[in-house]
Amino acid sequence: MELAAEIGRAQPCRLIMAAISAVFTIGYVANLLGEDENWIFDLSINMFPEDGCLWVHGVGEDGVPAFTKEGIENLRQIIADERADGRGPPAKPPK
């Protein structure tokens, strides 16, 4: 009986997430990381919103990938993994 009474008083569970305050376009991220934009695009195909990759749509545009700060960090790791496996274009110096 006591257990049933406690269950009835339980508060509903809510997922608490930090709000996304900014996203960065693929061109900005490619420049920041010193990487080829087309390669970054290819790498982003396998990323999801949970990974920090979002699609941004504008008037008359098909949309472009954009990345949160966490998405940029995930890309850095993906790039490091690709390079460790001997894949990917040579790195360009950041501007």
PDB file of N, CA and C in Angstrom:
ATOM      1  N   MET A   1       0.813  -1.189   0.000  1.00  0.00           N
ATOM      2  CA  MET A   1       0.000   0.000   0.000  1.00  0.00           C
ATOM      3  C   MET A   1       0.860   1.258   0.000  1.00  0.00           C
ATOM      4  N   GLU A   2       1.916   1.255   0.785  1.00  0.00           N
ATOM      5  CA  GLU A   2       2.756   2.450   0.853  1.00  0.00           C
ATOM      6  C   GLU A   2       3.412   2.740  -0.482  1.00  0.00           C
ATOM      7  N   LEU A   3       3.849   1.680  -1.182  1.00  0.00           N
ATOM      8  CA  LEU A   3       4.496   1.859  -2.470  1.00  0.00           C
ATOM      9  C   LEU A   3       3.531   2.492  -3.473  1.00  0.00           C
ATOM     10  N   ALA A   4       2.312   2.040  -3.507  1.00  0.00           N
ATOM     11  CA  ALA A   4       1.325   2.585  -4.426  1.00  0.00           C
ATOM     12  C   ALA A   4       1.066   4.056  -4.129  1.00  0.00           C
ATOM     13  N   ALA A   5       1.068   4.433  -2.890  1.00  0.00           N
ATOM     14  CA  ALA A   5       0.849   5.832  -2.523  1.00  0.00           C
ATOM     15  C   ALA A   5       2.015   6.689  -2.987  1.00  0.00           C
ATOM     16  N   GLU A   6       3.231   6.178  -2.879  1.00  0.00           N
ATOM     17  CA  GLU A   6       4.413   6.925  -3.325  1.00  0.00           C
ATOM     18  C   GLU A   6       4.419   7.101  -4.841  1.00  0.00           C
ATOM     19  N   ILE A   7       4.020   6.082  -5.580  1.00  0.00           N
ATOM     20  CA  ILE A   7       3.999   6.161  -7.035  1.00  0.00           C
ATOM     21  C   ILE A   7       3.017   7.229  -7.485  1.00  0.00           C
ATOM     22  N   GLY A   8       1.891   7.336  -6.827  1.00  0.00           N
ATOM     23  CA  GLY A   8       0.894   8.324  -7.196  1.00  0.00           C
ATOM     24  C   GLY A   8       1.378   9.755  -7.030  1.00  0.00           C
ATOM     25  N   ARG A   9       2.353   9.980  -6.176  1.00  0.00           N
ATOM     26  CA  ARG A   9       2.864  11.332  -5.948  1.00  0.00           C
ATOM     27  C   ARG A   9       4.071  11.670  -6.817  1.00  0.00           C
ATOM     28  N   ALA A  10       4.524  10.746  -7.625  1.00  0.00           N
ATOM     29  CA  ALA A  10       5.710  10.978  -8.457  1.00  0.00           C
ATOM     30  C   ALA A  10       5.447  12.106  -9.452  1.00  0.00           C
ATOM     31  N   GLN A  11       6.446  12.921  -9.664  1.00  0.00           N
ATOM     32  CA  GLN A  11       6.361  14.018 -10.628  1.00  0.00           C
ATOM     33  C   GLN A  11       6.663  13.477 -12.020  1.00  0.00           C
ATOM     34  N   PRO A  12       6.038  14.049 -13.047  1.00  0.00           N
ATOM     35  CA  PRO A  12       6.334  13.591 -14.400  1.00  0.00           C
ATOM     36  C   PRO A  12       7.795  13.882 -14.744  1.00  0.00           C
ATOM     37  N   CYS A  13       8.396  12.979 -15.480  1.00  0.00           N
ATOM     38  CA  CYS A  13       9.791  13.163 -15.895  1.00  0.00           C
ATOM     39  C   CYS A  13       9.845  14.122 -17.072  1.00  0.00           C
ATOM     40  N   ARG A  14      10.863  14.962 -17.070  1.00  0.00           N
ATOM     41  CA  ARG A  14      11.073  15.891 -18.179  1.00  0.00           C
ATOM     42  C   ARG A  14      12.529  15.829 -18.585  1.00  0.00           C
ATOM     43  N   LEU A  15      12.751  15.862 -19.868  1.00  0.00           N
ATOM     44  CA  LEU A  15      14.100  15.903 -20.396  1.00  0.00           C
ATOM     45  C   LEU A  15      14.573  17.341 -20.361  1.00  0.00           C
ATOM     46  N   ILE A  16      15.684  17.571 -19.708  1.00  0.00           N
ATOM     47  CA  ILE A  16      16.224  18.923 -19.622  1.00  0.00           C
ATOM     48  C   ILE A  16      17.441  19.005 -20.535  1.00  0.00           C
ATOM     49  N   MET A  17      17.380  19.917 -21.484  1.00  0.00           N
ATOM     50  CA  MET A  17      18.480  20.098 -22.425  1.00  0.00           C
ATOM     51  C   MET A  17      18.869  21.573 -22.448  1.00  0.00           C
ATOM     52  N   ALA A  18      20.132  21.822 -22.680  1.00  0.00           N
ATOM     53  CA  ALA A  18      20.580  23.198 -22.844  1.00  0.00           C
ATOM     54  C   ALA A  18      20.069  23.712 -24.192  1.00  0.00           C
ATOM     55  N   ALA A  19      19.625  24.925 -24.218  1.00  0.00           N
ATOM     56  CA  ALA A  19      19.127  25.519 -25.454  1.00  0.00           C
ATOM     57  C   ALA A  19      20.282  25.818 -26.395  1.00  0.00           C
ATOM     58  N   ILE A  20      20.042  25.646 -27.676  1.00  0.00           N
ATOM     59  CA  ILE A  20      21.041  25.989 -28.683  1.00  0.00           C
ATOM     60  C   ILE A  20      20.986  27.497 -28.860  1.00  0.00           C
ATOM     61  N   SER A  21      22.105  28.154 -28.631  1.00  0.00           N
ATOM     62  CA  SER A  21      22.122  29.615 -28.721  1.00  0.00           C
ATOM     63  C   SER A  21      22.696  30.116 -30.039  1.00  0.00           C
ATOM     64  N   ALA A  22      23.423  29.265 -30.764  1.00  0.00           N
ATOM     65  CA  ALA A  22      24.006  29.679 -32.034  1.00  0.00           C
ATOM     66  C   ALA A  22      24.338  28.453 -32.866  1.00  0.00           C
ATOM     67  N   VAL A  23      24.281  28.615 -34.166  1.00  0.00           N
ATOM     68  CA  VAL A  23      24.770  27.596 -35.094  1.00  0.00           C
ATOM     69  C   VAL A  23      25.716  28.273 -36.068  1.00  0.00           C
ATOM     70  N   PHE A  24      26.613  27.491 -36.622  1.00  0.00           N
ATOM     71  CA  PHE A  24      27.644  28.015 -37.510  1.00  0.00           C
ATOM     72  C   PHE A  24      27.530  27.311 -38.852  1.00  0.00           C
ATOM     73  N   THR A  25      27.549  28.087 -39.941  1.00  0.00           N
ATOM     74  CA  THR A  25      27.380  27.518 -41.277  1.00  0.00           C
ATOM     75  C   THR A  25      28.559  26.628 -41.631  1.00  0.00           C
ATOM     76  N   ILE A  26      28.338  25.774 -42.602  1.00  0.00           N
ATOM     77  CA  ILE A  26      29.377  24.852 -43.023  1.00  0.00           C
ATOM     78  C   ILE A  26      30.595  25.601 -43.560  1.00  0.00           C
ATOM     79  N   GLY A  27      30.370  26.718 -44.252  1.00  0.00           N
ATOM     80  CA  GLY A  27      31.488  27.514 -44.753  1.00  0.00           C
ATOM     81  C   GLY A  27      32.332  28.082 -43.621  1.00  0.00           C
ATOM     82  N   TYR A  28      31.671  28.570 -42.596  1.00  0.00           N
ATOM     83  CA  TYR A  28      32.372  29.110 -41.431  1.00  0.00           C
ATOM     84  C   TYR A  28      33.184  28.014 -40.746  1.00  0.00           C
ATOM     85  N   VAL A  29      32.570  26.838 -40.567  1.00  0.00           N
ATOM     86  CA  VAL A  29      33.237  25.735 -39.878  1.00  0.00           C
ATOM     87  C   VAL A  29      34.424  25.223 -40.698  1.00  0.00           C
ATOM     88  N   ALA A  30      34.255  25.099 -42.009  1.00  0.00           N
ATOM     89  CA  ALA A  30      35.357  24.652 -42.861  1.00  0.00           C
ATOM     90  C   ALA A  30      36.533  25.618 -42.749  1.00  0.00           C
ATOM     91  N   ASN A  31      36.237  26.905 -42.767  1.00  0.00           N
ATOM     92  CA  ASN A  31      37.282  27.921 -42.628  1.00  0.00           C
ATOM     93  C   ASN A  31      37.932  27.841 -41.245  1.00  0.00           C
ATOM     94  N   LEU A  32      37.131  27.703 -40.216  1.00  0.00           N
ATOM     95  CA  LEU A  32      37.617  27.610 -38.845  1.00  0.00           C
ATOM     96  C   LEU A  32      38.560  26.421 -38.663  1.00  0.00           C
ATOM     97  N   LEU A  33      38.167  25.280 -39.235  1.00  0.00           N
ATOM     98  CA  LEU A  33      38.951  24.052 -39.079  1.00  0.00           C
ATOM     99  C   LEU A  33      40.057  23.910 -40.121  1.00  0.00           C
ATOM    100  N   GLY A  34      40.067  24.794 -41.115  1.00  0.00           N
ATOM    101  CA  GLY A  34      41.072  24.698 -42.173  1.00  0.00           C
ATOM    102  C   GLY A  34      40.879  23.484 -43.055  1.00  0.00           C
ATOM    103  N   GLU A  35      39.626  23.153 -43.302  1.00  0.00           N
ATOM    104  CA  GLU A  35      39.295  21.963 -44.090  1.00  0.00           C
ATOM    105  C   GLU A  35      38.479  22.347 -45.314  1.00  0.00           C
ATOM    106  N   ASP A  36      38.453  21.440 -46.276  1.00  0.00           N
ATOM    107  CA  ASP A  36      37.678  21.630 -47.492  1.00  0.00           C
ATOM    108  C   ASP A  36      36.185  21.538 -47.176  1.00  0.00           C
ATOM    109  N   GLU A  37      35.429  22.505 -47.631  1.00  0.00           N
ATOM    110  CA  GLU A  37      33.996  22.548 -47.345  1.00  0.00           C
ATOM    111  C   GLU A  37      33.262  21.321 -47.881  1.00  0.00           C
ATOM    112  N   ASN A  38      33.648  20.855 -49.064  1.00  0.00           N
ATOM    113  CA  ASN A  38      32.987  19.674 -49.631  1.00  0.00           C
ATOM    114  C   ASN A  38      33.240  18.432 -48.778  1.00  0.00           C
ATOM    115  N   TRP A  39      34.449  18.329 -48.223  1.00  0.00           N
ATOM    116  CA  TRP A  39      34.752  17.185 -47.362  1.00  0.00           C
ATOM    117  C   TRP A  39      33.947  17.264 -46.064  1.00  0.00           C
ATOM    118  N   ILE A  40      33.862  18.462 -45.503  1.00  0.00           N
ATOM    119  CA  ILE A  40      33.049  18.654 -44.294  1.00  0.00           C
ATOM    120  C   ILE A  40      31.594  18.268 -44.592  1.00  0.00           C
ATOM    121  N   PHE A  41      31.105  18.650 -45.756  1.00  0.00           N
ATOM    122  CA  PHE A  41      29.740  18.287 -46.143  1.00  0.00           C
ATOM    123  C   PHE A  41      29.592  16.770 -46.180  1.00  0.00           C
ATOM    124  N   ASP A  42      30.549  16.076 -46.800  1.00  0.00           N
ATOM    125  CA  ASP A  42      30.490  14.614 -46.877  1.00  0.00           C
ATOM    126  C   ASP A  42      30.487  13.991 -45.481  1.00  0.00           C
ATOM    127  N   LEU A  43      31.300  14.529 -44.579  1.00  0.00           N
ATOM    128  CA  LEU A  43      31.354  14.004 -43.213  1.00  0.00           C
ATOM    129  C   LEU A  43      30.055  14.270 -42.458  1.00  0.00           C
ATOM    130  N   SER A  44      29.405  15.384 -42.767  1.00  0.00           N
ATOM    131  CA  SER A  44      28.187  15.765 -42.036  1.00  0.00           C
ATOM    132  C   SER A  44      26.977  14.927 -42.419  1.00  0.00           C
ATOM    133  N   ILE A  45      27.049  14.209 -43.524  1.00  0.00           N
ATOM    134  CA  ILE A  45      25.908  13.402 -43.980  1.00  0.00           C
ATOM    135  C   ILE A  45      25.518  12.374 -42.920  1.00  0.00           C
ATOM    136  N   ASN A  46      26.494  11.860 -42.202  1.00  0.00           N
ATOM    137  CA  ASN A  46      26.224  10.839 -41.180  1.00  0.00           C
ATOM    138  C   ASN A  46      25.997  11.424 -39.797  1.00  0.00           C
ATOM    139  N   MET A  47      25.888  12.755 -39.697  1.00  0.00           N
ATOM    140  CA  MET A  47      25.648  13.397 -38.405  1.00  0.00           C
ATOM    141  C   MET A  47      24.155  13.719 -38.259  1.00  0.00           C
ATOM    142  N   PHE A  48      23.697  13.731 -37.023  1.00  0.00           N
ATOM    143  CA  PHE A  48      22.298  13.995 -36.711  1.00  0.00           C
ATOM    144  C   PHE A  48      22.199  15.187 -35.765  1.00  0.00           C
ATOM    145  N   PRO A  49      20.993  15.692 -35.533  1.00  0.00           N
ATOM    146  CA  PRO A  49      20.846  16.807 -34.586  1.00  0.00           C
ATOM    147  C   PRO A  49      21.462  16.509 -33.216  1.00  0.00           C
ATOM    148  N   GLU A  50      21.385  15.254 -32.782  1.00  0.00           N
ATOM    149  CA  GLU A  50      21.983  14.889 -31.495  1.00  0.00           C
ATOM    150  C   GLU A  50      23.501  15.056 -31.514  1.00  0.00           C
ATOM    151  N   ASP A  51      24.080  15.023 -32.731  1.00  0.00           N
ATOM    152  CA  ASP A  51      25.529  15.178 -32.897  1.00  0.00           C
ATOM    153  C   ASP A  51      25.919  16.642 -33.082  1.00  0.00           C
ATOM    154  N   GLY A  52      24.924  17.525 -33.134  1.00  0.00           N
ATOM    155  CA  GLY A  52      25.197  18.947 -33.308  1.00  0.00           C
ATOM    156  C   GLY A  52      25.173  19.421 -34.747  1.00  0.00           C
ATOM    157  N   CYS A  53      24.518  18.680 -35.630  1.00  0.00           N
ATOM    158  CA  CYS A  53      24.405  19.067 -37.044  1.00  0.00           C
ATOM    159  C   CYS A  53      22.934  19.313 -37.372  1.00  0.00           C
ATOM    160  N   LEU A  54      22.630  20.512 -37.837  1.00  0.00           N
ATOM    161  CA  LEU A  54      21.268  20.893 -38.188  1.00  0.00           C
ATOM    162  C   LEU A  54      21.235  21.372 -39.632  1.00  0.00           C
ATOM    163  N   TRP A  55      20.064  21.347 -40.235  1.00  0.00           N
ATOM    164  CA  TRP A  55      19.897  21.921 -41.569  1.00  0.00           C
ATOM    165  C   TRP A  55      19.198  23.260 -41.422  1.00  0.00           C
ATOM    166  N   VAL A  56      19.761  24.277 -42.076  1.00  0.00           N
ATOM    167  CA  VAL A  56      19.194  25.626 -42.045  1.00  0.00           C
ATOM    168  C   VAL A  56      18.658  25.927 -43.440  1.00  0.00           C
ATOM    169  N   HIS A  57      17.388  26.321 -43.483  1.00  0.00           N
ATOM    170  CA  HIS A  57      16.734  26.608 -44.760  1.00  0.00           C
ATOM    171  C   HIS A  57      16.427  28.096 -44.844  1.00  0.00           C
ATOM    172  N   GLY A  58      16.593  28.642 -46.038  1.00  0.00           N
ATOM    173  CA  GLY A  58      16.267  30.037 -46.285  1.00  0.00           C
ATOM    174  C   GLY A  58      15.317  30.142 -47.465  1.00  0.00           C
ATOM    175  N   VAL A  59      14.911  31.338 -47.767  1.00  0.00           N
ATOM    176  CA  VAL A  59      13.997  31.567 -48.887  1.00  0.00           C
ATOM    177  C   VAL A  59      14.712  31.193 -50.187  1.00  0.00           C
ATOM    178  N   GLY A  60      14.109  30.297 -50.943  1.00  0.00           N
ATOM    179  CA  GLY A  60      14.662  29.902 -52.227  1.00  0.00           C
ATOM    180  C   GLY A  60      15.920  29.057 -52.135  1.00  0.00           C
ATOM    181  N   GLU A  61      16.238  28.534 -50.977  1.00  0.00           N
ATOM    182  CA  GLU A  61      17.432  27.708 -50.806  1.00  0.00           C
ATOM    183  C   GLU A  61      17.034  26.276 -50.465  1.00  0.00           C
ATOM    184  N   ASP A  62      17.902  25.352 -50.836  1.00  0.00           N
ATOM    185  CA  ASP A  62      17.671  23.950 -50.479  1.00  0.00           C
ATOM    186  C   ASP A  62      18.029  23.681 -49.028  1.00  0.00           C
ATOM    187  N   GLY A  63      18.834  24.524 -48.439  1.00  0.00           N
ATOM    188  CA  GLY A  63      19.284  24.335 -47.069  1.00  0.00           C
ATOM    189  C   GLY A  63      20.765  24.020 -47.032  1.00  0.00           C
ATOM    190  N   VAL A  64      21.374  24.336 -45.929  1.00  0.00           N
ATOM    191  CA  VAL A  64      22.794  24.073 -45.728  1.00  0.00           C
ATOM    192  C   VAL A  64      22.990  23.492 -44.337  1.00  0.00           C
ATOM    193  N   PRO A  65      24.011  22.639 -44.179  1.00  0.00           N
ATOM    194  CA  PRO A  65      24.295  22.146 -42.839  1.00  0.00           C
ATOM    195  C   PRO A  65      24.845  23.272 -41.972  1.00  0.00           C
ATOM    196  N   ALA A  66      24.502  23.238 -40.724  1.00  0.00           N
ATOM    197  CA  ALA A  66      25.041  24.177 -39.738  1.00  0.00           C
ATOM    198  C   ALA A  66      25.337  23.367 -38.483  1.00  0.00           C
ATOM    199  N   PHE A  67      26.282  23.851 -37.696  1.00  0.00           N
ATOM    200  CA  PHE A  67      26.770  23.072 -36.567  1.00  0.00           C
ATOM    201  C   PHE A  67      26.724  23.882 -35.284  1.00  0.00           C
ATOM    202  N   THR A  68      26.356  23.203 -34.210  1.00  0.00           N
ATOM    203  CA  THR A  68      26.448  23.807 -32.891  1.00  0.00           C
ATOM    204  C   THR A  68      27.910  23.707 -32.442  1.00  0.00           C
ATOM    205  N   LYS A  69      28.218  24.283 -31.284  1.00  0.00           N
ATOM    206  CA  LYS A  69      29.580  24.149 -30.756  1.00  0.00           C
ATOM    207  C   LYS A  69      29.929  22.684 -30.549  1.00  0.00           C
ATOM    208  N   GLU A  70      28.974  21.903 -30.052  1.00  0.00           N
ATOM    209  CA  GLU A  70      29.208  20.475 -29.862  1.00  0.00           C
ATOM    210  C   GLU A  70      29.405  19.770 -31.199  1.00  0.00           C
ATOM    211  N   GLY A  71      28.689  20.227 -32.212  1.00  0.00           N
ATOM    212  CA  GLY A  71      28.841  19.657 -33.550  1.00  0.00           C
ATOM    213  C   GLY A  71      30.229  19.899 -34.111  1.00  0.00           C
ATOM    214  N   ILE A  72      30.776  21.081 -33.846  1.00  0.00           N
ATOM    215  CA  ILE A  72      32.138  21.385 -34.303  1.00  0.00           C
ATOM    216  C   ILE A  72      33.132  20.461 -33.601  1.00  0.00           C
ATOM    217  N   GLU A  73      32.940  20.240 -32.315  1.00  0.00           N
ATOM    218  CA  GLU A  73      33.835  19.327 -31.588  1.00  0.00           C
ATOM    219  C   GLU A  73      33.691  17.900 -32.120  1.00  0.00           C
ATOM    220  N   ASN A  74      32.472  17.484 -32.437  1.00  0.00           N
ATOM    221  CA  ASN A  74      32.273  16.162 -33.028  1.00  0.00           C
ATOM    222  C   ASN A  74      32.963  16.062 -34.381  1.00  0.00           C
ATOM    223  N   LEU A  75      32.879  17.127 -35.180  1.00  0.00           N
ATOM    224  CA  LEU A  75      33.570  17.141 -36.473  1.00  0.00           C
ATOM    225  C   LEU A  75      35.079  17.035 -36.291  1.00  0.00           C
ATOM    226  N   ARG A  76      35.619  17.750 -35.307  1.00  0.00           N
ATOM    227  CA  ARG A  76      37.067  17.651 -35.043  1.00  0.00           C
ATOM    228  C   ARG A  76      37.462  16.198 -34.783  1.00  0.00           C
ATOM    229  N   GLN A  77      36.650  15.481 -34.014  1.00  0.00           N
ATOM    230  CA  GLN A  77      36.949  14.085 -33.713  1.00  0.00           C
ATOM    231  C   GLN A  77      36.807  13.209 -34.954  1.00  0.00           C
ATOM    232  N   ILE A  78      35.768  13.447 -35.740  1.00  0.00           N
ATOM    233  CA  ILE A  78      35.568  12.682 -36.970  1.00  0.00           C
ATOM    234  C   ILE A  78      36.745  12.908 -37.914  1.00  0.00           C
ATOM    235  N   ILE A  79      37.183  14.146 -38.042  1.00  0.00           N
ATOM    236  CA  ILE A  79      38.322  14.472 -38.910  1.00  0.00           C
ATOM    237  C   ILE A  79      39.586  13.769 -38.415  1.00  0.00           C
ATOM    238  N   ALA A  80      39.824  13.820 -37.112  1.00  0.00           N
ATOM    239  CA  ALA A  80      41.003  13.154 -36.544  1.00  0.00           C
ATOM    240  C   ALA A  80      40.945  11.649 -36.816  1.00  0.00           C
ATOM    241  N   ASP A  81      39.765  11.051 -36.663  1.00  0.00           N
ATOM    242  CA  ASP A  81      39.613   9.619 -36.922  1.00  0.00           C
ATOM    243  C   ASP A  81      39.858   9.292 -38.393  1.00  0.00           C
ATOM    244  N   GLU A  82      39.319  10.114 -39.275  1.00  0.00           N
ATOM    245  CA  GLU A  82      39.512   9.908 -40.718  1.00  0.00           C
ATOM    246  C   GLU A  82      40.990  10.010 -41.083  1.00  0.00           C
ATOM    247  N   ARG A  83      41.662  11.014 -40.562  1.00  0.00           N
ATOM    248  CA  ARG A  83      43.092  11.199 -40.859  1.00  0.00           C
ATOM    249  C   ARG A  83      43.914  10.049 -40.269  1.00  0.00           C
ATOM    250  N   ALA A  84      43.560   9.574 -39.086  1.00  0.00           N
ATOM    251  CA  ALA A  84      44.274   8.452 -38.470  1.00  0.00           C
ATOM    252  C   ALA A  84      44.135   7.186 -39.317  1.00  0.00           C
ATOM    253  N   ASP A  85      42.992   7.075 -40.014  1.00  0.00           N
ATOM    254  CA  ASP A  85      42.764   5.931 -40.896  1.00  0.00           C
ATOM    255  C   ASP A  85      43.308   6.167 -42.301  1.00  0.00           C
ATOM    256  N   GLY A  86      43.992   7.302 -42.513  1.00  0.00           N
ATOM    257  CA  GLY A  86      44.600   7.595 -43.814  1.00  0.00           C
ATOM    258  C   GLY A  86      43.630   8.091 -44.860  1.00  0.00           C
ATOM    259  N   ARG A  87      42.488   8.624 -44.427  1.00  0.00           N
ATOM    260  CA  ARG A  87      41.489   9.133 -45.377  1.00  0.00           C
ATOM    261  C   ARG A  87      41.374  10.648 -45.250  1.00  0.00           C
ATOM    262  N   GLY A  88      40.919  11.258 -46.315  1.00  0.00           N
ATOM    263  CA  GLY A  88      40.667  12.696 -46.294  1.00  0.00           C
ATOM    264  C   GLY A  88      41.713  13.491 -47.032  1.00  0.00           C
ATOM    265  N   PRO A  89      41.332  14.675 -47.471  1.00  0.00           N
ATOM    266  CA  PRO A  89      42.274  15.544 -48.176  1.00  0.00           C
ATOM    267  C   PRO A  89      43.302  16.122 -47.211  1.00  0.00           C
ATOM    268  N   PRO A  90      44.413  16.615 -47.740  1.00  0.00           N
ATOM    269  CA  PRO A  90      45.380  17.271 -46.844  1.00  0.00           C
ATOM    270  C   PRO A  90      44.761  18.497 -46.186  1.00  0.00           C
ATOM    271  N   ALA A  91      45.133  18.759 -44.960  1.00  0.00           N
ATOM    272  CA  ALA A  91      44.593  19.906 -44.213  1.00  0.00           C
ATOM    273  C   ALA A  91      45.107  21.207 -44.809  1.00  0.00           C
ATOM    274  N   LYS A  92      44.211  22.196 -44.852  1.00  0.00           N
ATOM    275  CA  LYS A  92      44.592  23.550 -45.270  1.00  0.00           C
ATOM    276  C   LYS A  92      44.865  24.367 -44.013  1.00  0.00           C
ATOM    277  N   PRO A  93      45.783  25.309 -44.092  1.00  0.00           N
ATOM    278  CA  PRO A  93      46.006  26.150 -42.891  1.00  0.00           C
ATOM    279  C   PRO A  93      44.793  27.009 -42.615  1.00  0.00           C
ATOM    280  N   PRO A  94      44.385  27.140 -41.338  1.00  0.00           N
ATOM    281  CA  PRO A  94      43.244  28.007 -41.009  1.00  0.00           C
ATOM    282  C   PRO A  94      43.547  29.457 -41.327  1.00  0.00           C
ATOM    283  N   LYS A  95      42.505  30.191 -41.728  1.00  0.00           N
ATOM    284  CA  LYS A  95      42.689  31.614 -42.063  1.00  0.00           C
ATOM    285  C   LYS A  95      42.500  32.476 -40.844  1.00  0.00           C
TER     286      LYS A  95
END
